[in-house]
Amino acid sequence: SGIAVGMATNIPPHNLGEVVDGAVMIIEDPQVSVKELITAIKGPDFPTGGIICGKTGIRSAYETGKGIIKVQAAVFTEGVDGGKSGDKKNPRIIIKELPYQV
C-alpha cells in the first residue's frame, strides 16, 4: 500500500527491469497474453523477501486486477553448540526473510 499523487495504491512492488521488459512486450504486441507476459514479469519483488506460495494469485492479479498473493517467511534451523561435548543441541529457528509488511 502506498500513496502517490494523492491516490492510494495496493499494487505490490515489482522489479523495474522486468516491468520494462513487459512494457516492451506490450508495445511490440498489444495483444500479448498474460501467459507470455509472465515470462518477463515473474511476479512481485518484495523488499523483505519471502516465498510466494503458488502462482495462481499472481496470474489472477495480472488478468483481472485482483488477486491474493500468499507469502511465507523463509526460515531454517541451526544447532547451538552444546558445550564441552561439542554436540549440536538446542536448535533455533532463524528467520531469513519476512513476508512484505509484516
Protein backbone atom coordinates (compact mmCIF):
# COMPACT_ATOMS: atom_id res chain seq x y z
CA SER A 1 0.00 0.00 0.00
CA GLY A 2 1.35 3.40 -0.88
CA ILE A 3 0.26 6.90 -1.74
CA ALA A 4 1.36 8.72 -4.88
CA VAL A 5 -0.08 11.99 -6.15
CA GLY A 6 -2.89 11.80 -3.61
CA MET A 7 -4.07 8.36 -4.77
CA ALA A 8 -3.70 5.18 -2.71
CA THR A 9 -2.47 2.01 -4.36
CA ASN A 10 -2.26 -1.62 -3.31
CA ILE A 11 -0.02 -2.79 -6.15
CA PRO A 12 2.83 -4.92 -4.82
CA PRO A 13 6.37 -3.80 -5.69
CA HIS A 14 7.93 -5.29 -8.83
CA ASN A 15 11.41 -5.47 -10.32
CA LEU A 16 11.84 -2.42 -12.57
CA GLY A 17 13.82 -4.30 -15.24
CA GLU A 18 11.10 -6.97 -15.51
CA VAL A 19 8.37 -4.31 -15.76
CA VAL A 20 10.28 -2.53 -18.55
CA ASP A 21 10.67 -5.85 -20.40
CA GLY A 22 6.92 -6.43 -20.02
CA ALA A 23 6.13 -2.92 -21.25
CA VAL A 24 8.29 -3.51 -24.33
CA MET A 25 6.39 -6.76 -24.98
CA ILE A 26 3.08 -4.86 -24.83
CA ILE A 27 4.37 -2.09 -27.12
CA GLU A 28 5.57 -4.64 -29.68
CA ASP A 29 2.37 -6.71 -29.45
CA PRO A 30 -0.63 -5.02 -27.76
CA GLN A 31 -2.47 -8.38 -27.83
CA VAL A 32 0.25 -10.20 -25.82
CA SER A 33 -1.26 -12.79 -23.48
CA VAL A 34 -0.82 -12.84 -19.72
CA LYS A 35 0.87 -16.22 -20.13
CA GLU A 36 3.53 -14.61 -22.33
CA LEU A 37 3.77 -11.52 -20.12
CA ILE A 38 4.53 -13.65 -17.06
CA THR A 39 7.69 -14.87 -18.80
CA ALA A 40 9.02 -11.29 -18.46
CA ILE A 41 7.32 -10.16 -15.25
CA LYS A 42 7.78 -13.12 -12.92
CA GLY A 43 5.77 -11.61 -10.07
CA PRO A 44 6.16 -9.20 -7.17
CA ASP A 45 9.65 -8.43 -5.89
CA PHE A 46 9.19 -7.80 -2.19
CA PRO A 47 11.96 -5.80 -0.48
CA THR A 48 11.86 -8.01 2.62
CA GLY A 49 11.95 -11.24 0.63
CA GLY A 50 9.62 -14.07 1.48
CA ILE A 51 8.48 -17.08 -0.50
CA ILE A 52 5.46 -16.68 -2.78
CA CYS A 53 3.19 -19.72 -2.40
CA GLY A 54 1.88 -20.64 -5.83
CA LYS A 55 1.35 -18.63 -8.99
CA THR A 56 -2.47 -18.56 -9.24
CA GLY A 57 -2.77 -15.34 -7.22
CA ILE A 58 -0.21 -13.62 -9.43
CA ARG A 59 -1.93 -14.78 -12.61
CA SER A 60 -5.33 -13.68 -11.26
CA ALA A 61 -3.95 -10.25 -10.32
CA TYR A 62 -2.46 -9.77 -13.78
CA GLU A 63 -5.62 -10.98 -15.58
CA THR A 64 -8.32 -9.27 -13.50
CA GLY A 65 -6.56 -6.66 -11.38
CA LYS A 66 -7.48 -8.60 -8.23
CA GLY A 67 -5.66 -11.50 -6.67
CA ILE A 68 -4.44 -12.91 -3.40
CA ILE A 69 -0.70 -13.47 -3.24
CA LYS A 70 0.24 -15.64 -0.28
CA VAL A 71 3.76 -15.14 1.04
CA GLN A 72 5.51 -17.06 3.80
CA ALA A 73 8.71 -16.41 5.71
CA ALA A 74 11.94 -18.12 4.67
CA VAL A 75 13.35 -19.93 7.71
CA PHE A 76 15.96 -22.51 8.59
CA THR A 77 17.14 -24.19 11.75
CA GLU A 78 20.61 -24.41 13.18
CA GLY A 79 22.02 -26.22 16.16
CA VAL A 80 23.71 -24.39 19.00
CA ASP A 81 26.95 -25.76 20.40
CA GLY A 82 26.05 -27.92 23.40
CA GLY A 83 29.18 -27.07 25.37
CA LYS A 84 32.08 -29.38 26.23
CA SER A 85 30.76 -32.39 24.34
CA GLY A 86 30.60 -30.37 21.12
CA ASP A 87 27.12 -31.70 20.35
CA LYS A 88 24.75 -29.51 18.42
CA LYS A 89 21.77 -29.16 20.72
CA ASN A 90 19.04 -26.67 21.35
CA PRO A 91 18.18 -25.96 17.72
CA ARG A 92 16.95 -22.48 16.96
CA ILE A 93 14.82 -21.18 14.14
CA ILE A 94 16.44 -18.45 12.06
CA ILE A 95 14.07 -16.21 10.09
CA LYS A 96 15.90 -15.20 6.93
CA GLU A 97 13.11 -13.36 5.06
CA LEU A 98 9.74 -11.97 6.18
CA PRO A 99 6.56 -11.51 4.18
CA TYR A 100 6.15 -7.93 2.97
CA GLN A 101 4.64 -5.51 5.53
CA VAL A 102 4.66 -7.98 8.42
